[in-house]
Amino acid sequence: MNNLEGKIAPAFTLKDESGNMVSLEAFKGEKSVVLYFYPKDMTPGCTTEACDFRDAHQEFSDLDVVILGVSPDNEGKHSKFIEKHGLPFSLLVDEDHTVAEKYGVWKLKKMYGKEYMGIERSTFFINKEGIIEKEWRKVRVKNHIEDVLNTISGKGE
């Protein structure tokens, strides 16, 4: 379950920060999707990543790409995060980590000697046909959005 590239993206429908249901299927044939999984709203790495996506939002839009962030946080936390940082894209609620598990990003993690289950920061580029064209796992935030943008626009690899 480690490599989903070239496969049909696992389908999902999740609530966004406003309680609206967002389905991957709704974008099929219309837009490509950058689906990024992150551990937690308002934490330093996740804030940097969200703000980097925010700052490149127009470039993604110009390429017909929708950005969707996913974490186990609830609607209220997502709303505050969006408001505080002016995020122009939706954050989806995956409280029971069902979608994270479908994408293989719900992992055993270690911090300060403790083990716990959580999101492994990952990004998936899903084309208009619903196929995962590229995946980035164990993402390091620095330069990540640039890498995603370059790959999608054809300037990368």
N, C-alpha and C. Protein backbone atom coordinates (compact mmCIF):
# COMPACT_ATOMS: atom_id res chain seq x y z
N MET A 1 0.85 -1.20 0.00
CA MET A 1 0.00 0.00 0.00
C MET A 1 0.88 1.25 0.00
N ASN A 2 2.18 1.05 -0.29
CA ASN A 2 3.04 2.22 -0.22
C ASN A 2 3.06 3.06 -1.47
N ASN A 3 2.83 2.46 -2.63
CA ASN A 3 2.86 3.28 -3.83
C ASN A 3 1.52 3.25 -4.53
N LEU A 4 0.90 4.41 -4.59
CA LEU A 4 -0.40 4.53 -5.26
C LEU A 4 -0.28 5.18 -6.63
N GLU A 5 0.93 5.54 -7.03
CA GLU A 5 1.11 6.21 -8.32
C GLU A 5 0.60 5.32 -9.45
N GLY A 6 -0.17 5.95 -10.36
CA GLY A 6 -0.71 5.22 -11.50
C GLY A 6 -2.01 4.51 -11.20
N LYS A 7 -2.44 4.54 -9.95
CA LYS A 7 -3.67 3.86 -9.54
C LYS A 7 -4.81 4.88 -9.39
N ILE A 8 -6.03 4.37 -9.40
CA ILE A 8 -7.18 5.24 -9.16
C ILE A 8 -7.16 5.70 -7.71
N ALA A 9 -7.32 6.99 -7.51
CA ALA A 9 -7.30 7.55 -6.15
C ALA A 9 -8.46 6.99 -5.35
N PRO A 10 -8.20 6.54 -4.12
CA PRO A 10 -9.29 6.06 -3.27
C PRO A 10 -10.37 7.14 -3.11
N ALA A 11 -11.61 6.76 -3.35
CA ALA A 11 -12.73 7.71 -3.27
C ALA A 11 -12.99 8.09 -1.82
N PHE A 12 -13.50 9.30 -1.63
CA PHE A 12 -13.90 9.72 -0.29
C PHE A 12 -14.90 10.86 -0.37
N THR A 13 -15.64 11.03 0.69
CA THR A 13 -16.48 12.20 0.92
C THR A 13 -16.28 12.59 2.37
N LEU A 14 -15.82 13.81 2.60
CA LEU A 14 -15.55 14.30 3.95
C LEU A 14 -16.18 15.68 4.13
N LYS A 15 -16.40 16.04 5.40
CA LYS A 15 -16.89 17.38 5.72
C LYS A 15 -15.73 18.36 5.62
N ASP A 16 -16.05 19.58 5.14
CA ASP A 16 -15.04 20.63 5.17
C ASP A 16 -15.21 21.48 6.41
N GLU A 17 -14.49 22.57 6.47
CA GLU A 17 -14.51 23.44 7.65
C GLU A 17 -15.88 24.06 7.93
N SER A 18 -16.75 24.08 6.93
CA SER A 18 -18.09 24.65 7.11
C SER A 18 -19.17 23.59 7.27
N GLY A 19 -18.76 22.32 7.29
CA GLY A 19 -19.74 21.25 7.42
C GLY A 19 -20.32 20.78 6.10
N ASN A 20 -19.82 21.34 4.98
CA ASN A 20 -20.27 20.90 3.66
C ASN A 20 -19.54 19.61 3.29
N MET A 21 -20.24 18.74 2.58
CA MET A 21 -19.63 17.49 2.17
C MET A 21 -18.83 17.71 0.87
N VAL A 22 -17.58 17.26 0.88
CA VAL A 22 -16.70 17.39 -0.28
C VAL A 22 -16.32 15.98 -0.72
N SER A 23 -16.59 15.72 -2.00
CA SER A 23 -16.33 14.40 -2.56
C SER A 23 -15.26 14.50 -3.64
N LEU A 24 -14.32 13.59 -3.63
CA LEU A 24 -13.29 13.57 -4.67
C LEU A 24 -13.93 13.42 -6.05
N GLU A 25 -14.98 12.62 -6.11
CA GLU A 25 -15.68 12.35 -7.37
C GLU A 25 -16.17 13.65 -8.05
N ALA A 26 -16.50 14.66 -7.25
CA ALA A 26 -17.04 15.91 -7.78
C ALA A 26 -16.06 16.64 -8.70
N PHE A 27 -14.76 16.37 -8.54
CA PHE A 27 -13.75 17.07 -9.33
C PHE A 27 -13.41 16.32 -10.63
N LYS A 28 -13.82 15.06 -10.71
CA LYS A 28 -13.46 14.21 -11.84
C LYS A 28 -13.92 14.84 -13.16
N GLY A 29 -12.99 14.89 -14.11
CA GLY A 29 -13.30 15.46 -15.41
C GLY A 29 -13.26 16.98 -15.43
N GLU A 30 -13.19 17.60 -14.26
CA GLU A 30 -13.22 19.07 -14.16
C GLU A 30 -11.87 19.66 -13.75
N LYS A 31 -11.34 19.15 -12.65
CA LYS A 31 -10.12 19.71 -12.05
C LYS A 31 -9.22 18.59 -11.58
N SER A 32 -7.93 18.89 -11.54
CA SER A 32 -6.98 18.01 -10.87
C SER A 32 -7.00 18.40 -9.39
N VAL A 33 -6.52 17.51 -8.53
CA VAL A 33 -6.56 17.78 -7.09
C VAL A 33 -5.18 17.52 -6.47
N VAL A 34 -4.74 18.48 -5.65
CA VAL A 34 -3.61 18.24 -4.77
C VAL A 34 -4.23 17.95 -3.41
N LEU A 35 -4.10 16.71 -2.98
CA LEU A 35 -4.64 16.27 -1.71
C LEU A 35 -3.47 16.12 -0.76
N TYR A 36 -3.47 16.97 0.27
CA TYR A 36 -2.34 16.84 1.21
C TYR A 36 -2.83 16.53 2.61
N PHE A 37 -2.17 15.56 3.21
CA PHE A 37 -2.48 15.11 4.56
C PHE A 37 -1.45 15.72 5.51
N TYR A 38 -1.93 16.28 6.61
CA TYR A 38 -1.02 16.89 7.57
C TYR A 38 -1.51 16.55 8.98
N PRO A 39 -0.58 16.54 9.95
CA PRO A 39 -0.93 16.06 11.30
C PRO A 39 -1.93 16.92 12.08
N LYS A 40 -1.74 18.25 12.12
CA LYS A 40 -2.54 19.03 13.07
C LYS A 40 -2.55 20.52 12.74
N ASP A 41 -3.74 21.13 12.82
CA ASP A 41 -3.86 22.58 12.64
C ASP A 41 -3.04 23.33 13.69
N MET A 42 -2.55 24.50 13.30
CA MET A 42 -1.87 25.45 14.21
C MET A 42 -0.51 25.00 14.73
N THR A 43 0.05 23.92 14.20
CA THR A 43 1.40 23.52 14.62
C THR A 43 2.39 24.13 13.62
N PRO A 44 3.65 24.33 14.01
CA PRO A 44 4.58 25.07 13.15
C PRO A 44 4.74 24.52 11.74
N GLY A 45 5.02 23.22 11.60
CA GLY A 45 5.22 22.65 10.27
C GLY A 45 3.96 22.70 9.43
N CYS A 46 2.84 22.43 10.05
CA CYS A 46 1.56 22.41 9.32
C CYS A 46 1.15 23.82 8.91
N THR A 47 1.46 24.79 9.75
CA THR A 47 1.15 26.18 9.42
C THR A 47 2.01 26.64 8.24
N THR A 48 3.29 26.31 8.28
CA THR A 48 4.19 26.67 7.18
C THR A 48 3.71 26.04 5.88
N GLU A 49 3.37 24.75 5.93
CA GLU A 49 2.91 24.05 4.73
C GLU A 49 1.64 24.69 4.19
N ALA A 50 0.66 24.95 5.06
CA ALA A 50 -0.61 25.55 4.63
C ALA A 50 -0.38 26.93 4.02
N CYS A 51 0.49 27.72 4.64
CA CYS A 51 0.77 29.07 4.13
C CYS A 51 1.54 29.02 2.80
N ASP A 52 2.40 28.02 2.63
CA ASP A 52 3.09 27.84 1.35
C ASP A 52 2.08 27.50 0.25
N PHE A 53 1.13 26.62 0.56
CA PHE A 53 0.07 26.31 -0.42
C PHE A 53 -0.76 27.56 -0.69
N ARG A 54 -1.04 28.33 0.36
CA ARG A 54 -1.81 29.57 0.19
C ARG A 54 -1.08 30.51 -0.76
N ASP A 55 0.22 30.68 -0.54
CA ASP A 55 0.99 31.63 -1.33
C ASP A 55 1.12 31.20 -2.79
N ALA A 56 1.01 29.92 -3.06
CA ALA A 56 1.10 29.42 -4.44
C ALA A 56 -0.28 29.11 -5.02
N HIS A 57 -1.33 29.46 -4.29
CA HIS A 57 -2.70 29.09 -4.68
C HIS A 57 -3.05 29.52 -6.10
N GLN A 58 -2.69 30.75 -6.46
CA GLN A 58 -3.01 31.26 -7.81
C GLN A 58 -2.33 30.42 -8.89
N GLU A 59 -1.09 30.04 -8.65
CA GLU A 59 -0.36 29.23 -9.63
C GLU A 59 -1.03 27.86 -9.81
N PHE A 60 -1.49 27.28 -8.71
CA PHE A 60 -2.21 26.00 -8.81
C PHE A 60 -3.53 26.20 -9.56
N SER A 61 -4.25 27.28 -9.23
CA SER A 61 -5.52 27.58 -9.90
C SER A 61 -5.33 27.73 -11.40
N ASP A 62 -4.24 28.41 -11.78
CA ASP A 62 -3.95 28.62 -13.21
C ASP A 62 -3.73 27.29 -13.93
N LEU A 63 -3.34 26.25 -13.19
CA LEU A 63 -3.12 24.92 -13.76
C LEU A 63 -4.37 24.04 -13.61
N ASP A 64 -5.50 24.65 -13.19
CA ASP A 64 -6.76 23.92 -12.99
C ASP A 64 -6.66 22.88 -11.87
N VAL A 65 -5.95 23.26 -10.81
CA VAL A 65 -5.73 22.34 -9.69
C VAL A 65 -6.40 22.89 -8.43
N VAL A 66 -7.17 22.04 -7.77
CA VAL A 66 -7.79 22.36 -6.49
C VAL A 66 -6.91 21.79 -5.38
N ILE A 67 -6.72 22.58 -4.32
CA ILE A 67 -5.95 22.11 -3.16
C ILE A 67 -6.92 21.72 -2.06
N LEU A 68 -6.73 20.55 -1.50
CA LEU A 68 -7.52 20.09 -0.35
C LEU A 68 -6.57 19.58 0.72
N GLY A 69 -6.70 20.13 1.93
CA GLY A 69 -5.91 19.65 3.06
C GLY A 69 -6.77 18.72 3.89
N VAL A 70 -6.16 17.69 4.48
CA VAL A 70 -6.89 16.71 5.30
C VAL A 70 -6.12 16.47 6.59
N SER A 71 -6.84 16.57 7.71
CA SER A 71 -6.26 16.19 9.01
C SER A 71 -7.38 15.67 9.90
N PRO A 72 -7.01 15.07 11.05
CA PRO A 72 -8.04 14.58 11.96
C PRO A 72 -8.74 15.69 12.75
N ASP A 73 -8.32 16.95 12.58
CA ASP A 73 -8.95 18.05 13.32
C ASP A 73 -10.40 18.24 12.90
N ASN A 74 -11.21 18.81 13.83
CA ASN A 74 -12.63 19.02 13.55
C ASN A 74 -12.89 20.33 12.78
N GLU A 75 -14.16 20.55 12.41
CA GLU A 75 -14.53 21.73 11.62
C GLU A 75 -14.13 23.03 12.30
N GLY A 76 -14.35 23.11 13.61
CA GLY A 76 -14.03 24.33 14.35
C GLY A 76 -12.56 24.70 14.28
N LYS A 77 -11.70 23.69 14.47
CA LYS A 77 -10.25 23.93 14.40
C LYS A 77 -9.84 24.33 12.98
N HIS A 78 -10.42 23.65 11.99
CA HIS A 78 -10.13 23.99 10.59
C HIS A 78 -10.55 25.43 10.30
N SER A 79 -11.73 25.83 10.75
CA SER A 79 -12.23 27.19 10.50
C SER A 79 -11.28 28.23 11.09
N LYS A 80 -10.85 28.00 12.31
CA LYS A 80 -9.92 28.95 12.97
C LYS A 80 -8.60 29.02 12.22
N PHE A 81 -8.11 27.87 11.79
CA PHE A 81 -6.84 27.78 11.06
C PHE A 81 -6.94 28.56 9.75
N ILE A 82 -8.04 28.35 9.02
CA ILE A 82 -8.27 29.04 7.74
C ILE A 82 -8.35 30.55 7.96
N GLU A 83 -9.13 30.94 8.97
CA GLU A 83 -9.32 32.35 9.26
C GLU A 83 -8.01 33.02 9.67
N LYS A 84 -7.29 32.38 10.56
CA LYS A 84 -6.04 32.96 11.08
C LYS A 84 -5.00 33.17 9.98
N HIS A 85 -4.96 32.27 9.02
CA HIS A 85 -3.90 32.33 8.01
C HIS A 85 -4.41 32.66 6.60
N GLY A 86 -5.68 33.00 6.48
CA GLY A 86 -6.23 33.41 5.18
C GLY A 86 -6.09 32.34 4.12
N LEU A 87 -6.40 31.10 4.48
CA LEU A 87 -6.24 30.00 3.53
C LEU A 87 -7.39 30.00 2.52
N PRO A 88 -7.06 30.01 1.22
CA PRO A 88 -8.09 30.08 0.18
C PRO A 88 -8.57 28.71 -0.31
N PHE A 89 -8.35 27.68 0.48
CA PHE A 89 -8.77 26.33 0.09
C PHE A 89 -9.40 25.64 1.29
N SER A 90 -10.10 24.54 1.02
CA SER A 90 -10.81 23.82 2.09
C SER A 90 -9.90 22.85 2.83
N LEU A 91 -10.21 22.69 4.11
CA LEU A 91 -9.57 21.68 4.94
C LEU A 91 -10.64 20.68 5.32
N LEU A 92 -10.34 19.41 5.12
CA LEU A 92 -11.33 18.35 5.32
C LEU A 92 -11.11 17.63 6.64
N VAL A 93 -12.22 17.21 7.22
CA VAL A 93 -12.23 16.57 8.55
C VAL A 93 -12.18 15.06 8.38
N ASP A 94 -11.12 14.44 8.88
CA ASP A 94 -10.95 12.99 8.83
C ASP A 94 -10.71 12.49 10.26
N GLU A 95 -11.69 12.79 11.14
CA GLU A 95 -11.52 12.50 12.57
C GLU A 95 -11.27 11.03 12.87
N ASP A 96 -11.89 10.15 12.10
CA ASP A 96 -11.69 8.71 12.35
C ASP A 96 -10.58 8.13 11.46
N HIS A 97 -9.86 9.01 10.78
CA HIS A 97 -8.71 8.70 9.91
C HIS A 97 -8.99 7.60 8.87
N THR A 98 -10.24 7.46 8.46
CA THR A 98 -10.60 6.47 7.43
C THR A 98 -9.91 6.77 6.10
N VAL A 99 -9.94 8.04 5.69
CA VAL A 99 -9.34 8.41 4.41
C VAL A 99 -7.82 8.32 4.50
N ALA A 100 -7.25 8.76 5.62
CA ALA A 100 -5.80 8.65 5.81
C ALA A 100 -5.35 7.18 5.68
N GLU A 101 -6.17 6.28 6.22
CA GLU A 101 -5.84 4.86 6.12
C GLU A 101 -5.92 4.37 4.67
N LYS A 102 -6.94 4.84 3.93
CA LYS A 102 -7.08 4.45 2.51
C LYS A 102 -5.84 4.85 1.70
N TYR A 103 -5.26 5.99 2.07
CA TYR A 103 -4.08 6.48 1.35
C TYR A 103 -2.77 6.01 1.96
N GLY A 104 -2.87 5.22 3.04
CA GLY A 104 -1.67 4.66 3.66
C GLY A 104 -0.81 5.68 4.38
N VAL A 105 -1.44 6.73 4.94
CA VAL A 105 -0.66 7.76 5.63
C VAL A 105 -0.93 7.80 7.14
N TRP A 106 -1.77 6.87 7.63
CA TRP A 106 -2.01 6.76 9.08
C TRP A 106 -0.97 5.77 9.60
N LYS A 107 0.04 6.28 10.31
CA LYS A 107 1.22 5.48 10.64
C LYS A 107 1.56 5.55 12.12
N LEU A 108 2.35 4.58 12.54
CA LEU A 108 2.91 4.60 13.88
C LEU A 108 4.05 5.62 13.86
N LYS A 109 3.98 6.60 14.76
CA LYS A 109 4.99 7.65 14.81
C LYS A 109 5.65 7.64 16.19
N LYS A 110 6.84 8.24 16.24
CA LYS A 110 7.56 8.33 17.52
C LYS A 110 7.96 9.78 17.75
N MET A 111 7.72 10.24 18.99
CA MET A 111 8.19 11.56 19.37
C MET A 111 8.53 11.54 20.85
N TYR A 112 9.69 12.05 21.17
CA TYR A 112 10.15 12.09 22.57
C TYR A 112 10.03 10.71 23.23
N GLY A 113 10.36 9.66 22.47
CA GLY A 113 10.36 8.31 23.03
C GLY A 113 8.99 7.66 23.14
N LYS A 114 7.94 8.39 22.77
CA LYS A 114 6.58 7.82 22.83
C LYS A 114 6.14 7.41 21.44
N GLU A 115 5.38 6.31 21.39
CA GLU A 115 4.83 5.88 20.12
C GLU A 115 3.34 6.18 20.09
N TYR A 116 2.85 6.62 18.94
CA TYR A 116 1.43 6.91 18.79
C TYR A 116 1.07 6.83 17.31
N MET A 117 -0.20 6.70 17.02
CA MET A 117 -0.67 6.68 15.64
C MET A 117 -0.98 8.11 15.21
N GLY A 118 -0.61 8.44 13.98
CA GLY A 118 -0.88 9.79 13.48
C GLY A 118 -0.65 9.86 11.98
N ILE A 119 -0.87 11.03 11.45
CA ILE A 119 -0.71 11.28 10.01
C ILE A 119 0.76 11.45 9.66
N GLU A 120 1.19 10.74 8.64
CA GLU A 120 2.51 10.96 8.07
C GLU A 120 2.31 11.99 6.96
N ARG A 121 2.93 13.14 7.10
CA ARG A 121 2.74 14.25 6.15
C ARG A 121 2.99 13.74 4.72
N SER A 122 1.96 13.84 3.89
CA SER A 122 2.02 13.29 2.53
C SER A 122 1.17 14.13 1.59
N THR A 123 1.54 14.13 0.32
CA THR A 123 0.81 14.88 -0.70
C THR A 123 0.59 13.97 -1.90
N PHE A 124 -0.60 14.07 -2.49
CA PHE A 124 -0.95 13.28 -3.67
C PHE A 124 -1.46 14.21 -4.76
N PHE A 125 -0.95 14.02 -5.98
CA PHE A 125 -1.46 14.77 -7.12
C PHE A 125 -2.36 13.84 -7.92
N ILE A 126 -3.66 14.18 -7.97
CA ILE A 126 -4.67 13.36 -8.63
C ILE A 126 -5.13 14.10 -9.88
N ASN A 127 -4.96 13.45 -11.04
CA ASN A 127 -5.32 14.14 -12.28
C ASN A 127 -6.84 14.17 -12.50
N LYS A 128 -7.27 14.81 -13.59
CA LYS A 128 -8.70 14.99 -13.85
C LYS A 128 -9.44 13.67 -14.05
N GLU A 129 -8.70 12.62 -14.38
CA GLU A 129 -9.32 11.30 -14.56
C GLU A 129 -9.42 10.54 -13.24
N GLY A 130 -8.90 11.13 -12.17
CA GLY A 130 -8.96 10.47 -10.86
C GLY A 130 -7.82 9.51 -10.59
N ILE A 131 -6.75 9.63 -11.38
CA ILE A 131 -5.57 8.77 -11.21
C ILE A 131 -4.50 9.53 -10.41
N ILE A 132 -3.86 8.85 -9.47
CA ILE A 132 -2.76 9.46 -8.72
C ILE A 132 -1.53 9.47 -9.63
N GLU A 133 -1.16 10.68 -10.06
CA GLU A 133 0.00 10.83 -10.94
C GLU A 133 1.30 10.84 -10.17
N LYS A 134 1.26 11.43 -8.96
CA LYS A 134 2.49 11.54 -8.18
C LYS A 134 2.13 11.57 -6.71
N GLU A 135 2.98 10.96 -5.91
CA GLU A 135 2.78 11.02 -4.46
C GLU A 135 4.11 11.41 -3.81
N TRP A 136 3.97 12.16 -2.74
CA TRP A 136 5.12 12.53 -1.92
C TRP A 136 4.80 12.04 -0.52
N ARG A 137 5.64 11.20 0.02
CA ARG A 137 5.43 10.68 1.37
C ARG A 137 6.56 11.16 2.28
N LYS A 138 6.30 11.15 3.59
CA LYS A 138 7.28 11.65 4.56
C LYS A 138 7.80 13.01 4.13
N VAL A 139 6.89 13.90 3.84
CA VAL A 139 7.21 15.22 3.31
C VAL A 139 7.98 16.07 4.31
N ARG A 140 9.01 16.72 3.82
CA ARG A 140 9.70 17.79 4.54
C ARG A 140 9.11 19.07 3.96
N VAL A 141 8.67 19.98 4.81
CA VAL A 141 7.93 21.15 4.36
C VAL A 141 8.76 22.08 3.48
N LYS A 142 10.01 22.29 3.82
CA LYS A 142 10.85 23.22 3.07
C LYS A 142 10.93 22.83 1.59
N ASN A 143 10.57 23.76 0.72
CA ASN A 143 10.60 23.60 -0.75
C ASN A 143 9.59 22.58 -1.29
N HIS A 144 8.74 22.02 -0.43
CA HIS A 144 7.82 20.98 -0.89
C HIS A 144 6.82 21.51 -1.92
N ILE A 145 6.19 22.65 -1.64
CA ILE A 145 5.16 23.18 -2.51
C ILE A 145 5.76 23.53 -3.88
N GLU A 146 6.97 24.06 -3.87
CA GLU A 146 7.70 24.35 -5.11
C GLU A 146 7.88 23.07 -5.93
N ASP A 147 8.24 21.99 -5.27
CA ASP A 147 8.44 20.70 -5.92
C ASP A 147 7.12 20.21 -6.54
N VAL A 148 6.03 20.33 -5.76
CA VAL A 148 4.71 19.90 -6.26
C VAL A 148 4.32 20.72 -7.48
N LEU A 149 4.48 22.02 -7.39
CA LEU A 149 4.11 22.92 -8.48
C LEU A 149 4.95 22.63 -9.73
N ASN A 150 6.26 22.45 -9.55
CA ASN A 150 7.13 22.16 -10.68
C ASN A 150 6.77 20.83 -11.35
N THR A 151 6.43 19.83 -10.54
CA THR A 151 6.04 18.53 -11.09
C THR A 151 4.76 18.65 -11.90
N ILE A 152 3.76 19.34 -11.34
CA ILE A 152 2.47 19.48 -12.02
C ILE A 152 2.59 20.31 -13.30
N SER A 153 3.39 21.37 -13.25
CA SER A 153 3.51 22.27 -14.41
C SER A 153 4.46 21.71 -15.46
N GLY A 154 5.14 20.59 -15.13
CA GLY A 154 6.05 19.98 -16.09
C GLY A 154 7.46 20.54 -16.03
N LYS A 155 7.73 21.42 -15.05
CA LYS A 155 9.08 22.00 -14.91
C LYS A 155 9.97 21.10 -14.07
N GLY A 156 9.34 20.15 -13.37
CA GLY A 156 10.09 19.27 -12.46
C GLY A 156 10.65 18.08 -13.20
N GLU A 157 10.78 17.00 -12.49
CA GLU A 157 11.36 15.73 -12.94
C GLU A 157 11.05 15.40 -14.37
